[in-house]
PDB file of N, CA and C in Angstrom:
ATOM      1  N   MET A   1    -117.818 -92.154 -82.249  1.00  0.00           N
ATOM      2  CA  MET A   1    -117.870 -93.070 -80.668  1.00  0.00           C
ATOM      3  C   MET A   1    -118.757 -94.231 -81.090  1.00  0.00           C
ATOM      4  N   THR A   2    -118.972 -94.244 -81.346  1.00  0.00           N
ATOM      5  CA  THR A   2    -120.160 -95.238 -82.073  1.00  0.00           C
ATOM      6  C   THR A   2    -119.019 -96.843 -83.236  1.00  0.00           C
ATOM      7  N   ARG A   3    -118.933 -96.882 -83.967  1.00  0.00           N
ATOM      8  CA  ARG A   3    -117.781 -97.181 -84.414  1.00  0.00           C
ATOM      9  C   ARG A   3    -116.885 -97.409 -83.670  1.00  0.00           C
ATOM     10  N   VAL A   4    -116.278 -96.713 -82.924  1.00  0.00           N
ATOM     11  CA  VAL A   4    -115.514 -97.259 -81.634  1.00  0.00           C
ATOM     12  C   VAL A   4    -115.388 -98.361 -80.731  1.00  0.00           C
ATOM     13  N   LYS A   5    -116.490 -97.989 -80.210  1.00  0.00           N
ATOM     14  CA  LYS A   5    -117.102 -99.057 -79.462  1.00  0.00           C
ATOM     15  C   LYS A   5    -117.523-100.179 -80.419  1.00  0.00           C
ATOM     16  N   SER A   6    -117.994-100.398 -81.532  1.00  0.00           N
ATOM     17  CA  SER A   6    -118.113-101.158 -82.180  1.00  0.00           C
ATOM     18  C   SER A   6    -117.027-102.373 -82.118  1.00  0.00           C
ATOM     19  N   PHE A   7    -115.976-102.103 -82.848  1.00  0.00           N
ATOM     20  CA  PHE A   7    -114.506-102.182 -83.083  1.00  0.00           C
ATOM     21  C   PHE A   7    -114.184-103.119 -82.031  1.00  0.00           C
ATOM     22  N   LEU A   8    -113.556-102.014 -81.109  1.00  0.00           N
ATOM     23  CA  LEU A   8    -113.255-102.642 -79.481  1.00  0.00           C
ATOM     24  C   LEU A   8    -113.950-103.640 -79.127  1.00  0.00           C
ATOM     25  N   LYS A   9    -115.804-104.037 -79.368  1.00  0.00           N
ATOM     26  CA  LYS A   9    -116.758-105.078 -79.032  1.00  0.00           C
ATOM     27  C   LYS A   9    -115.518-106.345 -80.040  1.00  0.00           C
ATOM     28  N   MET A  10    -115.913-106.381 -81.204  1.00  0.00           N
ATOM     29  CA  MET A  10    -115.628-107.175 -82.238  1.00  0.00           C
ATOM     30  C   MET A  10    -114.213-107.336 -81.972  1.00  0.00           C
ATOM     31  N   LYS A  11    -113.291-106.685 -81.679  1.00  0.00           N
ATOM     32  CA  LYS A  11    -111.731-107.461 -81.328  1.00  0.00           C
ATOM     33  C   LYS A  11    -112.034-107.831 -79.770  1.00  0.00           C
ATOM     34  N   ARG A  12    -112.677-107.786 -79.092  1.00  0.00           N
ATOM     35  CA  ARG A  12    -112.843-108.867 -77.926  1.00  0.00           C
ATOM     36  C   ARG A  12    -112.781-110.136 -78.456  1.00  0.00           C
ATOM     37  N   VAL A  13    -113.786-109.850 -79.409  1.00  0.00           N
ATOM     38  CA  VAL A  13    -114.382-111.507 -79.770  1.00  0.00           C
ATOM     39  C   VAL A  13    -114.042-112.396 -81.547  1.00  0.00           C
ATOM     40  N   GLY A  14    -112.674-111.088 -81.228  1.00  0.00           N
ATOM     41  CA  GLY A  14    -111.898-112.189 -82.157  1.00  0.00           C
ATOM     42  C   GLY A  14    -112.353-112.093 -83.825  1.00  0.00           C
ATOM     43  N   ARG A  15    -113.562-111.600 -84.090  1.00  0.00           N
ATOM     44  CA  ARG A  15    -113.997-111.234 -85.457  1.00  0.00           C
ATOM     45  C   ARG A  15    -113.196-109.714 -86.369  1.00  0.00           C
ATOM     46  N   THR A  16    -112.174-109.549 -85.321  1.00  0.00           N
ATOM     47  CA  THR A  16    -110.655-108.943 -86.274  1.00  0.00           C
ATOM     48  C   THR A  16    -110.114-108.441 -86.057  1.00  0.00           C
ATOM     49  N   ASP A  17    -108.951-109.139 -87.211  1.00  0.00           N
ATOM     50  CA  ASP A  17    -107.252-109.186 -86.732  1.00  0.00           C
ATOM     51  C   ASP A  17    -106.517-107.317 -86.878  1.00  0.00           C
ATOM     52  N   ARG A  18    -107.532-106.864 -86.971  1.00  0.00           N
ATOM     53  CA  ARG A  18    -106.881-105.312 -87.160  1.00  0.00           C
ATOM     54  C   ARG A  18    -106.321-104.754 -86.498  1.00  0.00           C
ATOM     55  N   ARG A  19    -105.404-103.818 -85.978  1.00  0.00           N
ATOM     56  CA  ARG A  19    -105.044-102.895 -84.727  1.00  0.00           C
ATOM     57  C   ARG A  19    -105.952-101.785 -84.559  1.00  0.00           C
ATOM     58  N   TYR A  20    -106.798-101.836 -85.944  1.00  0.00           N
ATOM     59  CA  TYR A  20    -107.458 -99.857 -85.210  1.00  0.00           C
ATOM     60  C   TYR A  20    -108.154 -99.989 -86.422  1.00  0.00           C
ATOM     61  N   PRO A  21    -109.723 -99.212 -85.910  1.00  0.00           N
ATOM     62  CA  PRO A  21    -110.865 -99.365 -86.994  1.00  0.00           C
ATOM     63  C   PRO A  21    -109.868 -98.249 -88.331  1.00  0.00           C
ATOM     64  N   VAL A  22    -110.888 -98.640 -89.723  1.00  0.00           N
ATOM     65  CA  VAL A  22    -110.568 -98.477 -90.776  1.00  0.00           C
ATOM     66  C   VAL A  22    -111.966 -97.773 -90.892  1.00  0.00           C
ATOM     67  N   VAL A  23    -112.016 -96.287 -91.515  1.00  0.00           N
ATOM     68  CA  VAL A  23    -113.506 -95.345 -92.185  1.00  0.00           C
ATOM     69  C   VAL A  23    -112.782 -95.081 -93.053  1.00  0.00           C
ATOM     70  N   ASN A  24    -114.517 -95.807 -93.686  1.00  0.00           N
ATOM     71  CA  ASN A  24    -114.455 -95.252 -95.507  1.00  0.00           C
ATOM     72  C   ASN A  24    -115.324 -94.627 -95.494  1.00  0.00           C
ATOM     73  N   LYS A  25    -116.261 -94.341 -95.221  1.00  0.00           N
ATOM     74  CA  LYS A  25    -116.846 -93.247 -95.131  1.00  0.00           C
ATOM     75  C   LYS A  25    -117.812 -92.225 -93.484  1.00  0.00           C
ATOM     76  N   ILE A  26    -117.078 -91.247 -93.971  1.00  0.00           N
ATOM     77  CA  ILE A  26    -117.670 -90.387 -92.318  1.00  0.00           C
ATOM     78  C   ILE A  26    -119.134 -89.448 -93.123  1.00  0.00           C
ATOM     79  N   SER A  27    -119.623 -89.428 -91.846  1.00  0.00           N
ATOM     80  CA  SER A  27    -120.887 -89.208 -91.370  1.00  0.00           C
ATOM     81  C   SER A  27    -121.024 -88.862 -90.228  1.00  0.00           C
ATOM     82  N   ILE A  28    -121.151 -87.739 -89.943  1.00  0.00           N
ATOM     83  CA  ILE A  28    -121.728 -86.361 -89.073  1.00  0.00           C
ATOM     84  C   ILE A  28    -122.914 -86.782 -88.315  1.00  0.00           C
ATOM     85  N   TRP A  29    -123.211 -86.608 -87.348  1.00  0.00           N
ATOM     86  CA  TRP A  29    -124.319 -86.494 -86.217  1.00  0.00           C
ATOM     87  C   TRP A  29    -124.462 -84.548 -85.823  1.00  0.00           C
ATOM     88  N   LEU A  30    -125.377 -84.208 -85.754  1.00  0.00           N
ATOM     89  CA  LEU A  30    -125.389 -82.945 -85.525  1.00  0.00           C
ATOM     90  C   LEU A  30    -126.925 -82.438 -84.307  1.00  0.00           C
ATOM     91  N   ASP A  31    -126.838 -81.919 -83.681  1.00  0.00           N
ATOM     92  CA  ASP A  31    -128.136 -81.637 -82.837  1.00  0.00           C
ATOM     93  C   ASP A  31    -128.623 -80.417 -83.764  1.00  0.00           C
ATOM     94  N   ASP A  32    -129.932 -80.182 -83.940  1.00  0.00           N
ATOM     95  CA  ASP A  32    -130.805 -78.929 -84.320  1.00  0.00           C
ATOM     96  C   ASP A  32    -129.967 -78.304 -84.540  1.00  0.00           C
ATOM     97  N   HIS A  33    -129.570 -77.375 -83.177  1.00  0.00           N
ATOM     98  CA  HIS A  33    -128.917 -76.384 -83.243  1.00  0.00           C
ATOM     99  C   HIS A  33    -127.415 -76.005 -83.702  1.00  0.00           C
ATOM    100  N   LEU A  34    -126.735 -76.923 -83.686  1.00  0.00           N
ATOM    101  CA  LEU A  34    -125.342 -76.946 -84.466  1.00  0.00           C
ATOM    102  C   LEU A  34    -125.401 -76.459 -86.015  1.00  0.00           C
ATOM    103  N   TRP A  35    -126.925 -76.437 -86.264  1.00  0.00           N
ATOM    104  CA  TRP A  35    -126.733 -76.322 -87.664  1.00  0.00           C
ATOM    105  C   TRP A  35    -127.973 -75.754 -88.438  1.00  0.00           C
ATOM    106  N   ARG A  36    -127.626 -74.837 -89.504  1.00  0.00           N
ATOM    107  CA  ARG A  36    -129.320 -74.526 -90.043  1.00  0.00           C
ATOM    108  C   ARG A  36    -129.049 -75.020 -91.786  1.00  0.00           C
ATOM    109  N   LYS A  37    -130.475 -74.958 -92.518  1.00  0.00           N
ATOM    110  CA  LYS A  37    -129.657 -74.885 -93.843  1.00  0.00           C
ATOM    111  C   LYS A  37    -130.051 -74.225 -94.498  1.00  0.00           C
ATOM    112  N   ASP A  38    -129.470 -74.330 -95.295  1.00  0.00           N
ATOM    113  CA  ASP A  38    -129.289 -72.603 -96.450  1.00  0.00           C
ATOM    114  C   ASP A  38    -129.586 -73.606 -98.119  1.00  0.00           C
ATOM    115  N   TRP A  39    -130.803 -73.367 -97.994  1.00  0.00           N
ATOM    116  CA  TRP A  39    -131.368 -73.674 -99.135  1.00  0.00           C
ATOM    117  C   TRP A  39    -131.457 -74.921 -99.063  1.00  0.00           C
ATOM    118  N   LEU A  40    -130.741 -75.838-100.786  1.00  0.00           N
ATOM    119  CA  LEU A  40    -131.164 -76.965-101.075  1.00  0.00           C
ATOM    120  C   LEU A  40    -129.722 -78.269-100.737  1.00  0.00           C
ATOM    121  N   THR A  41    -129.110 -77.412-101.287  1.00  0.00           N
ATOM    122  CA  THR A  41    -127.222 -78.292-101.105  1.00  0.00           C
ATOM    123  C   THR A  41    -126.232 -77.709-100.114  1.00  0.00           C
ATOM    124  N   CYS A  42    -126.878 -76.827 -99.794  1.00  0.00           N
ATOM    125  CA  CYS A  42    -125.733 -76.452 -98.632  1.00  0.00           C
ATOM    126  C   CYS A  42    -126.578 -76.162 -97.501  1.00  0.00           C
ATOM    127  N   ILE A  43    -125.088 -76.763 -95.756  1.00  0.00           N
ATOM    128  CA  ILE A  43    -125.707 -76.139 -94.611  1.00  0.00           C
ATOM    129  C   ILE A  43    -124.552 -75.074 -93.912  1.00  0.00           C
ATOM    130  N   TRP A  44    -125.316 -74.518 -92.681  1.00  0.00           N
ATOM    131  CA  TRP A  44    -123.935 -73.799 -91.941  1.00  0.00           C
ATOM    132  C   TRP A  44    -123.737 -74.599 -90.715  1.00  0.00           C
ATOM    133  N   VAL A  45    -122.657 -74.968 -90.554  1.00  0.00           N
ATOM    134  CA  VAL A  45    -122.055 -75.494 -89.171  1.00  0.00           C
ATOM    135  C   VAL A  45    -121.547 -74.899 -88.157  1.00  0.00           C
ATOM    136  N   THR A  46    -121.852 -74.709 -87.174  1.00  0.00           N
ATOM    137  CA  THR A  46    -121.445 -73.934 -86.133  1.00  0.00           C
ATOM    138  C   THR A  46    -120.023 -74.593 -85.614  1.00  0.00           C
ATOM    139  N   THR A  47    -118.404 -73.845 -84.889  1.00  0.00           N
ATOM    140  CA  THR A  47    -117.706 -74.321 -84.679  1.00  0.00           C
ATOM    141  C   THR A  47    -116.755 -73.566 -83.654  1.00  0.00           C
ATOM    142  N   HIS A  48    -116.240 -73.760 -82.958  1.00  0.00           N
ATOM    143  CA  HIS A  48    -115.936 -72.957 -82.099  1.00  0.00           C
ATOM    144  C   HIS A  48    -115.557 -71.509 -82.141  1.00  0.00           C
ATOM    145  N   ARG A  49    -114.843 -71.475 -83.714  1.00  0.00           N
ATOM    146  CA  ARG A  49    -114.364 -70.411 -84.374  1.00  0.00           C
ATOM    147  C   ARG A  49    -116.259 -69.330 -85.690  1.00  0.00           C
ATOM    148  N   GLY A  50    -116.641 -70.682 -85.300  1.00  0.00           N
ATOM    149  CA  GLY A  50    -118.121 -69.432 -86.112  1.00  0.00           C
ATOM    150  C   GLY A  50    -117.954 -70.386 -87.178  1.00  0.00           C
ATOM    151  N   TRP A  51    -119.590 -70.406 -87.330  1.00  0.00           N
ATOM    152  CA  TRP A  51    -120.713 -70.042 -88.735  1.00  0.00           C
ATOM    153  C   TRP A  51    -119.464 -70.714 -89.604  1.00  0.00           C
ATOM    154  N   ILE A  52    -119.592 -72.217 -90.534  1.00  0.00           N
ATOM    155  CA  ILE A  52    -118.736 -72.454 -92.044  1.00  0.00           C
ATOM    156  C   ILE A  52    -120.192 -72.710 -92.766  1.00  0.00           C
ATOM    157  N   ARG A  53    -120.110 -72.606 -93.862  1.00  0.00           N
ATOM    158  CA  ARG A  53    -120.854 -73.535 -94.774  1.00  0.00           C
ATOM    159  C   ARG A  53    -120.261 -74.893 -95.734  1.00  0.00           C
ATOM    160  N   VAL A  54    -121.425 -75.385 -95.781  1.00  0.00           N
ATOM    161  CA  VAL A  54    -120.844 -77.403 -96.307  1.00  0.00           C
ATOM    162  C   VAL A  54    -121.769 -76.780 -96.778  1.00  0.00           C
ATOM    163  N   GLU A  55    -120.751 -77.163 -98.219  1.00  0.00           N
ATOM    164  CA  GLU A  55    -122.063 -77.915 -99.734  1.00  0.00           C
ATOM    165  C   GLU A  55    -121.990 -79.252 -99.262  1.00  0.00           C
ATOM    166  N   LEU A  56    -123.337 -79.400-100.678  1.00  0.00           N
ATOM    167  CA  LEU A  56    -123.495 -80.995-100.281  1.00  0.00           C
ATOM    168  C   LEU A  56    -123.820 -82.138-101.039  1.00  0.00           C
ATOM    169  N   GLU A  57    -123.067 -83.289-100.578  1.00  0.00           N
ATOM    170  CA  GLU A  57    -123.089 -84.135-102.261  1.00  0.00           C
ATOM    171  C   GLU A  57    -124.323 -85.172-102.297  1.00  0.00           C
ATOM    172  N   LEU A  58    -125.366 -84.591-102.872  1.00  0.00           N
ATOM    173  CA  LEU A  58    -126.651 -85.469-102.477  1.00  0.00           C
ATOM    174  C   LEU A  58    -126.480 -86.339-103.562  1.00  0.00           C
ATOM    175  N   HIS A  59    -127.730 -87.251-102.855  1.00  0.00           N
ATOM    176  CA  HIS A  59    -127.961 -88.349-103.963  1.00  0.00           C
ATOM    177  C   HIS A  59    -128.755 -88.355-104.006  1.00  0.00           C
ATOM    178  N   LYS A  60    -129.122 -89.252-105.805  1.00  0.00           N
ATOM    179  CA  LYS A  60    -130.285 -89.034-106.401  1.00  0.00           C
ATOM    180  C   LYS A  60    -131.690 -89.066-105.661  1.00  0.00           C
ATOM    181  N   LEU A  61    -131.569 -90.004-104.386  1.00  0.00           N
ATOM    182  CA  LEU A  61    -133.327 -90.146-103.388  1.00  0.00           C
ATOM    183  C   LEU A  61    -133.192 -89.565-102.447  1.00  0.00           C
ATOM    184  N   TYR A  62    -132.183 -88.261-102.336  1.00  0.00           N
ATOM    185  CA  TYR A  62    -132.695 -86.511-101.645  1.00  0.00           C
ATOM    186  C   TYR A  62    -133.398 -85.799-102.807  1.00  0.00           C
ATOM    187  N   TRP A  63    -133.021 -85.699-104.333  1.00  0.00           N
ATOM    188  CA  TRP A  63    -133.731 -85.040-105.438  1.00  0.00           C
ATOM    189  C   TRP A  63    -135.117 -85.669-105.450  1.00  0.00           C
ATOM    190  N   LYS A  64    -135.482 -86.346-105.939  1.00  0.00           N
ATOM    191  CA  LYS A  64    -136.672 -87.585-105.407  1.00  0.00           C
ATOM    192  C   LYS A  64    -137.847 -86.974-104.595  1.00  0.00           C
ATOM    193  N   TYR A  65    -136.917 -86.809-103.342  1.00  0.00           N
ATOM    194  CA  TYR A  65    -138.403 -86.554-102.079  1.00  0.00           C
ATOM    195  C   TYR A  65    -137.805 -84.928-102.786  1.00  0.00           C
ATOM    196  N   VAL A  66    -136.922 -84.638-102.950  1.00  0.00           N
ATOM    197  CA  VAL A  66    -137.253 -82.310-103.139  1.00  0.00           C
ATOM    198  C   VAL A  66    -138.290 -82.363-103.986  1.00  0.00           C
ATOM    199  N   ASN A  67    -138.200 -83.376-105.578  1.00  0.00           N
ATOM    200  CA  ASN A  67    -138.872 -82.724-106.367  1.00  0.00           C
ATOM    201  C   ASN A  67    -140.335 -83.297-106.638  1.00  0.00           C
ATOM    202  N   ARG A  68    -140.865 -83.859-105.110  1.00  0.00           N
ATOM    203  CA  ARG A  68    -141.825 -84.253-105.408  1.00  0.00           C
ATOM    204  C   ARG A  68    -143.128 -83.314-105.211  1.00  0.00           C
ATOM    205  N   GLY A  69    -142.748 -82.784-104.634  1.00  0.00           N
ATOM    206  CA  GLY A  69    -143.173 -81.731-104.366  1.00  0.00           C
ATOM    207  C   GLY A  69    -143.895 -81.253-103.083  1.00  0.00           C
TER     208      GLY A  69
END
């Protein structure tokens, strides 16, 4: 929703000539009760059909913090 609001504001001001927003990267914001950690490389996310496992693509900076001890 944040990206849509930003796009509509930019369109009103005239800073874009596209008819619709383009999303290159997807990010998901979840409340604490909607997900749980399963070790270091995956999480469980709740959906309307139950819990599903999602493997994470982790960055080098993540491993730097994890290995810090």
